[in-house]
């Protein structure tokens, strides 16, 4: 056995999942600020609630703001599949923060993203993403 020295204490290797924090990604932090200031999430909920979401049927769906934010992640990161978007969201703490998800809440899986995409028509997709892009044009 070797002689120990003061200050040579091994730090634990495992960090509980709920204690993980991310410094965040500067781009997604700025985009989140722009979208929040523009009221993007409330607008997306208002736009989608009347036509695409039933108030009491089945399990709670993916919030429209989180769905469109997931699509923005796919667009900005060049990910062209729902599986790829879901994998990226599950892999990144800063993207979970961008979606407003606590660390103990799982991000949406690919089937949820796909199902939500099929429920919402093309005009609503275009309208929501154009409103989300408008504030960014002025920055």
C-alpha atoms as a PDB file:
ATOM      1  CA  UNK A   1       0.000   0.000   0.000  1.00  0.00           C
ATOM      2  CA  UNK A   2       1.351   3.438  -0.932  1.00  0.00           C
ATOM      3  CA  UNK A   3       1.528   6.292   1.520  1.00  0.00           C
ATOM      4  CA  UNK A   4      -1.374   8.701   1.094  1.00  0.00           C
ATOM      5  CA  UNK A   5      -0.879  12.435   0.866  1.00  0.00           C
ATOM      6  CA  UNK A   6      -3.104  15.199   2.131  1.00  0.00           C
ATOM      7  CA  UNK A   7      -5.619  16.270  -0.497  1.00  0.00           C
ATOM      8  CA  UNK A   8      -5.442  13.041  -2.500  1.00  0.00           C
ATOM      9  CA  UNK A   9      -9.079  12.078  -2.100  1.00  0.00           C
ATOM     10  CA  UNK A  10     -10.890  10.386  -4.910  1.00  0.00           C
ATOM     11  CA  UNK A  11     -14.005  12.164  -6.068  1.00  0.00           C
ATOM     12  CA  UNK A  12     -17.070  10.035  -6.725  1.00  0.00           C
ATOM     13  CA  UNK A  13     -17.422   8.824 -10.295  1.00  0.00           C
ATOM     14  CA  UNK A  14     -21.186   8.791 -10.472  1.00  0.00           C
ATOM     15  CA  UNK A  15     -23.357  11.869 -10.508  1.00  0.00           C
ATOM     16  CA  UNK A  16     -27.082  11.389  -9.940  1.00  0.00           C
ATOM     17  CA  UNK A  17     -29.045  12.305 -13.049  1.00  0.00           C
ATOM     18  CA  UNK A  18     -31.187  14.902 -11.263  1.00  0.00           C
ATOM     19  CA  UNK A  19     -28.039  16.814 -10.177  1.00  0.00           C
ATOM     20  CA  UNK A  20     -26.730  17.287 -13.717  1.00  0.00           C
ATOM     21  CA  UNK A  21     -26.741  20.831 -14.989  1.00  0.00           C
ATOM     22  CA  UNK A  22     -25.698  22.229 -18.316  1.00  0.00           C
ATOM     23  CA  UNK A  23     -23.971  25.489 -19.012  1.00  0.00           C
ATOM     24  CA  UNK A  24     -26.218  25.680 -22.050  1.00  0.00           C
ATOM     25  CA  UNK A  25     -25.451  26.452 -25.642  1.00  0.00           C
ATOM     26  CA  UNK A  26     -25.207  30.201 -26.394  1.00  0.00           C
ATOM     27  CA  UNK A  27     -27.149  29.886 -29.659  1.00  0.00           C
ATOM     28  CA  UNK A  28     -30.068  28.023 -28.091  1.00  0.00           C
ATOM     29  CA  UNK A  29     -30.060  30.325 -25.053  1.00  0.00           C
ATOM     30  CA  UNK A  30     -30.369  33.353 -27.350  1.00  0.00           C
ATOM     31  CA  UNK A  31     -33.032  31.652 -29.477  1.00  0.00           C
ATOM     32  CA  UNK A  32     -34.979  30.703 -26.349  1.00  0.00           C
ATOM     33  CA  UNK A  33     -34.916  34.312 -25.154  1.00  0.00           C
ATOM     34  CA  UNK A  34     -36.164  35.534 -28.539  1.00  0.00           C
ATOM     35  CA  UNK A  35     -38.957  32.950 -28.664  1.00  0.00           C
ATOM     36  CA  UNK A  36     -40.050  33.635 -25.076  1.00  0.00           C
ATOM     37  CA  UNK A  37     -40.096  37.410 -25.647  1.00  0.00           C
ATOM     38  CA  UNK A  38     -42.214  36.889 -28.769  1.00  0.00           C
ATOM     39  CA  UNK A  39     -44.681  34.660 -26.882  1.00  0.00           C
ATOM     40  CA  UNK A  40     -44.022  31.821 -29.308  1.00  0.00           C
ATOM     41  CA  UNK A  41     -45.120  28.940 -27.068  1.00  0.00           C
ATOM     42  CA  UNK A  42     -48.457  30.559 -26.168  1.00  0.00           C
ATOM     43  CA  UNK A  43     -49.063  31.420 -29.828  1.00  0.00           C
ATOM     44  CA  UNK A  44     -48.340  27.828 -30.931  1.00  0.00           C
ATOM     45  CA  UNK A  45     -50.672  26.464 -28.244  1.00  0.00           C
ATOM     46  CA  UNK A  46     -53.433  28.856 -29.266  1.00  0.00           C
ATOM     47  CA  UNK A  47     -52.992  28.032 -32.946  1.00  0.00           C
ATOM     48  CA  UNK A  48     -53.045  24.258 -32.393  1.00  0.00           C
ATOM     49  CA  UNK A  49     -55.518  23.890 -29.518  1.00  0.00           C
ATOM     50  CA  UNK A  50     -58.639  24.561 -31.543  1.00  0.00           C
ATOM     51  CA  UNK A  51     -58.017  22.089 -34.338  1.00  0.00           C
ATOM     52  CA  UNK A  52     -55.495  19.407 -33.430  1.00  0.00           C
ATOM     53  CA  UNK A  53     -55.697  18.606 -29.728  1.00  0.00           C
ATOM     54  CA  UNK A  54     -58.622  17.023 -27.936  1.00  0.00           C
ATOM     55  CA  UNK A  55     -59.016  18.394 -24.385  1.00  0.00           C
ATOM     56  CA  UNK A  56     -59.502  15.084 -22.532  1.00  0.00           C
ATOM     57  CA  UNK A  57     -58.822  12.154 -24.855  1.00  0.00           C
ATOM     58  CA  UNK A  58     -55.850   9.856 -24.204  1.00  0.00           C
ATOM     59  CA  UNK A  59     -52.511  10.718 -22.673  1.00  0.00           C
ATOM     60  CA  UNK A  60     -51.234  14.293 -22.744  1.00  0.00           C
ATOM     61  CA  UNK A  61     -49.648  15.094 -26.077  1.00  0.00           C
ATOM     62  CA  UNK A  62     -46.465  16.927 -26.865  1.00  0.00           C
ATOM     63  CA  UNK A  63     -46.876  20.654 -26.192  1.00  0.00           C
ATOM     64  CA  UNK A  64     -46.999  22.519 -29.527  1.00  0.00           C
ATOM     65  CA  UNK A  65     -44.213  24.887 -28.451  1.00  0.00           C
ATOM     66  CA  UNK A  66     -41.940  21.934 -27.647  1.00  0.00           C
ATOM     67  CA  UNK A  67     -42.856  20.229 -30.921  1.00  0.00           C
ATOM     68  CA  UNK A  68     -41.925  23.275 -33.000  1.00  0.00           C
ATOM     69  CA  UNK A  69     -38.771  23.822 -30.926  1.00  0.00           C
ATOM     70  CA  UNK A  70     -37.830  20.199 -31.678  1.00  0.00           C
ATOM     71  CA  UNK A  71     -38.245  20.897 -35.382  1.00  0.00           C
ATOM     72  CA  UNK A  72     -36.056  23.978 -35.048  1.00  0.00           C
ATOM     73  CA  UNK A  73     -33.343  21.832 -33.443  1.00  0.00           C
ATOM     74  CA  UNK A  74     -33.559  19.446 -36.385  1.00  0.00           C
ATOM     75  CA  UNK A  75     -33.358  22.324 -38.849  1.00  0.00           C
ATOM     76  CA  UNK A  76     -30.415  24.111 -37.225  1.00  0.00           C
ATOM     77  CA  UNK A  77     -28.453  20.898 -36.657  1.00  0.00           C
ATOM     78  CA  UNK A  78     -29.145  19.422 -40.087  1.00  0.00           C
ATOM     79  CA  UNK A  79     -31.089  16.436 -38.753  1.00  0.00           C
ATOM     80  CA  UNK A  80     -33.658  15.240 -41.255  1.00  0.00           C
ATOM     81  CA  UNK A  81     -35.336  12.413 -39.332  1.00  0.00           C
ATOM     82  CA  UNK A  82     -37.577  12.304 -36.294  1.00  0.00           C
ATOM     83  CA  UNK A  83     -35.445   9.524 -34.809  1.00  0.00           C
ATOM     84  CA  UNK A  84     -32.378  11.723 -35.199  1.00  0.00           C
ATOM     85  CA  UNK A  85     -34.101  14.684 -33.565  1.00  0.00           C
ATOM     86  CA  UNK A  86     -35.313  12.508 -30.668  1.00  0.00           C
ATOM     87  CA  UNK A  87     -31.830  11.044 -30.204  1.00  0.00           C
ATOM     88  CA  UNK A  88     -30.227  14.507 -30.192  1.00  0.00           C
ATOM     89  CA  UNK A  89     -32.749  15.838 -27.663  1.00  0.00           C
ATOM     90  CA  UNK A  90     -32.125  12.832 -25.407  1.00  0.00           C
ATOM     91  CA  UNK A  91     -28.358  13.282 -25.682  1.00  0.00           C
ATOM     92  CA  UNK A  92     -28.077  16.989 -24.852  1.00  0.00           C
ATOM     93  CA  UNK A  93     -28.813  18.700 -21.545  1.00  0.00           C
ATOM     94  CA  UNK A  94     -28.670  22.138 -23.184  1.00  0.00           C
ATOM     95  CA  UNK A  95     -31.388  21.115 -25.678  1.00  0.00           C
ATOM     96  CA  UNK A  96     -33.542  19.828 -22.818  1.00  0.00           C
ATOM     97  CA  UNK A  97     -33.155  23.274 -21.279  1.00  0.00           C
ATOM     98  CA  UNK A  98     -34.137  24.850 -24.628  1.00  0.00           C
ATOM     99  CA  UNK A  99     -37.329  22.768 -24.596  1.00  0.00           C
ATOM    100  CA  UNK A 100     -37.930  23.693 -20.948  1.00  0.00           C
ATOM    101  CA  UNK A 101     -37.736  20.097 -19.735  1.00  0.00           C
ATOM    102  CA  UNK A 102     -36.422  19.279 -16.257  1.00  0.00           C
ATOM    103  CA  UNK A 103     -33.592  16.735 -16.242  1.00  0.00           C
ATOM    104  CA  UNK A 104     -35.813  14.019 -14.765  1.00  0.00           C
ATOM    105  CA  UNK A 105     -38.342  14.361 -17.600  1.00  0.00           C
ATOM    106  CA  UNK A 106     -37.615  12.401 -20.749  1.00  0.00           C
ATOM    107  CA  UNK A 107     -37.619  14.354 -24.012  1.00  0.00           C
ATOM    108  CA  UNK A 108     -40.154  13.318 -26.673  1.00  0.00           C
ATOM    109  CA  UNK A 109     -39.396  10.112 -28.514  1.00  0.00           C
ATOM    110  CA  UNK A 110     -39.506   9.775 -32.284  1.00  0.00           C
ATOM    111  CA  UNK A 111     -42.992   8.272 -32.363  1.00  0.00           C
ATOM    112  CA  UNK A 112     -44.439  11.199 -30.411  1.00  0.00           C
ATOM    113  CA  UNK A 113     -42.767  13.705 -32.738  1.00  0.00           C
ATOM    114  CA  UNK A 114     -44.000  11.754 -35.766  1.00  0.00           C
ATOM    115  CA  UNK A 115     -47.562  11.469 -34.462  1.00  0.00           C
ATOM    116  CA  UNK A 116     -47.683  15.179 -33.662  1.00  0.00           C
ATOM    117  CA  UNK A 117     -46.367  16.027 -37.148  1.00  0.00           C
ATOM    118  CA  UNK A 118     -49.160  13.998 -38.739  1.00  0.00           C
ATOM    119  CA  UNK A 119     -51.837  15.718 -36.626  1.00  0.00           C
ATOM    120  CA  UNK A 120     -50.864  19.276 -37.525  1.00  0.00           C
ATOM    121  CA  UNK A 121     -51.505  20.512 -41.060  1.00  0.00           C
ATOM    122  CA  UNK A 122     -48.960  22.217 -43.298  1.00  0.00           C
ATOM    123  CA  UNK A 123     -50.442  25.721 -42.957  1.00  0.00           C
ATOM    124  CA  UNK A 124     -50.135  25.571 -39.172  1.00  0.00           C
ATOM    125  CA  UNK A 125     -46.540  24.361 -39.476  1.00  0.00           C
ATOM    126  CA  UNK A 126     -45.690  27.256 -41.775  1.00  0.00           C
ATOM    127  CA  UNK A 127     -47.530  29.817 -39.653  1.00  0.00           C
ATOM    128  CA  UNK A 128     -45.896  28.764 -36.402  1.00  0.00           C
ATOM    129  CA  UNK A 129     -42.395  28.582 -37.794  1.00  0.00           C
ATOM    130  CA  UNK A 130     -42.769  31.947 -39.585  1.00  0.00           C
ATOM    131  CA  UNK A 131     -43.906  33.617 -36.360  1.00  0.00           C
ATOM    132  CA  UNK A 132     -40.972  32.001 -34.576  1.00  0.00           C
ATOM    133  CA  UNK A 133     -38.559  33.278 -37.223  1.00  0.00           C
ATOM    134  CA  UNK A 134     -39.852  36.867 -37.338  1.00  0.00           C
ATOM    135  CA  UNK A 135     -38.234  38.079 -34.088  1.00  0.00           C
ATOM    136  CA  UNK A 136     -34.944  36.435 -35.072  1.00  0.00           C
ATOM    137  CA  UNK A 137     -34.835  38.480 -38.284  1.00  0.00           C
ATOM    138  CA  UNK A 138     -34.735  41.697 -36.278  1.00  0.00           C
ATOM    139  CA  UNK A 139     -31.896  40.604 -33.973  1.00  0.00           C
END
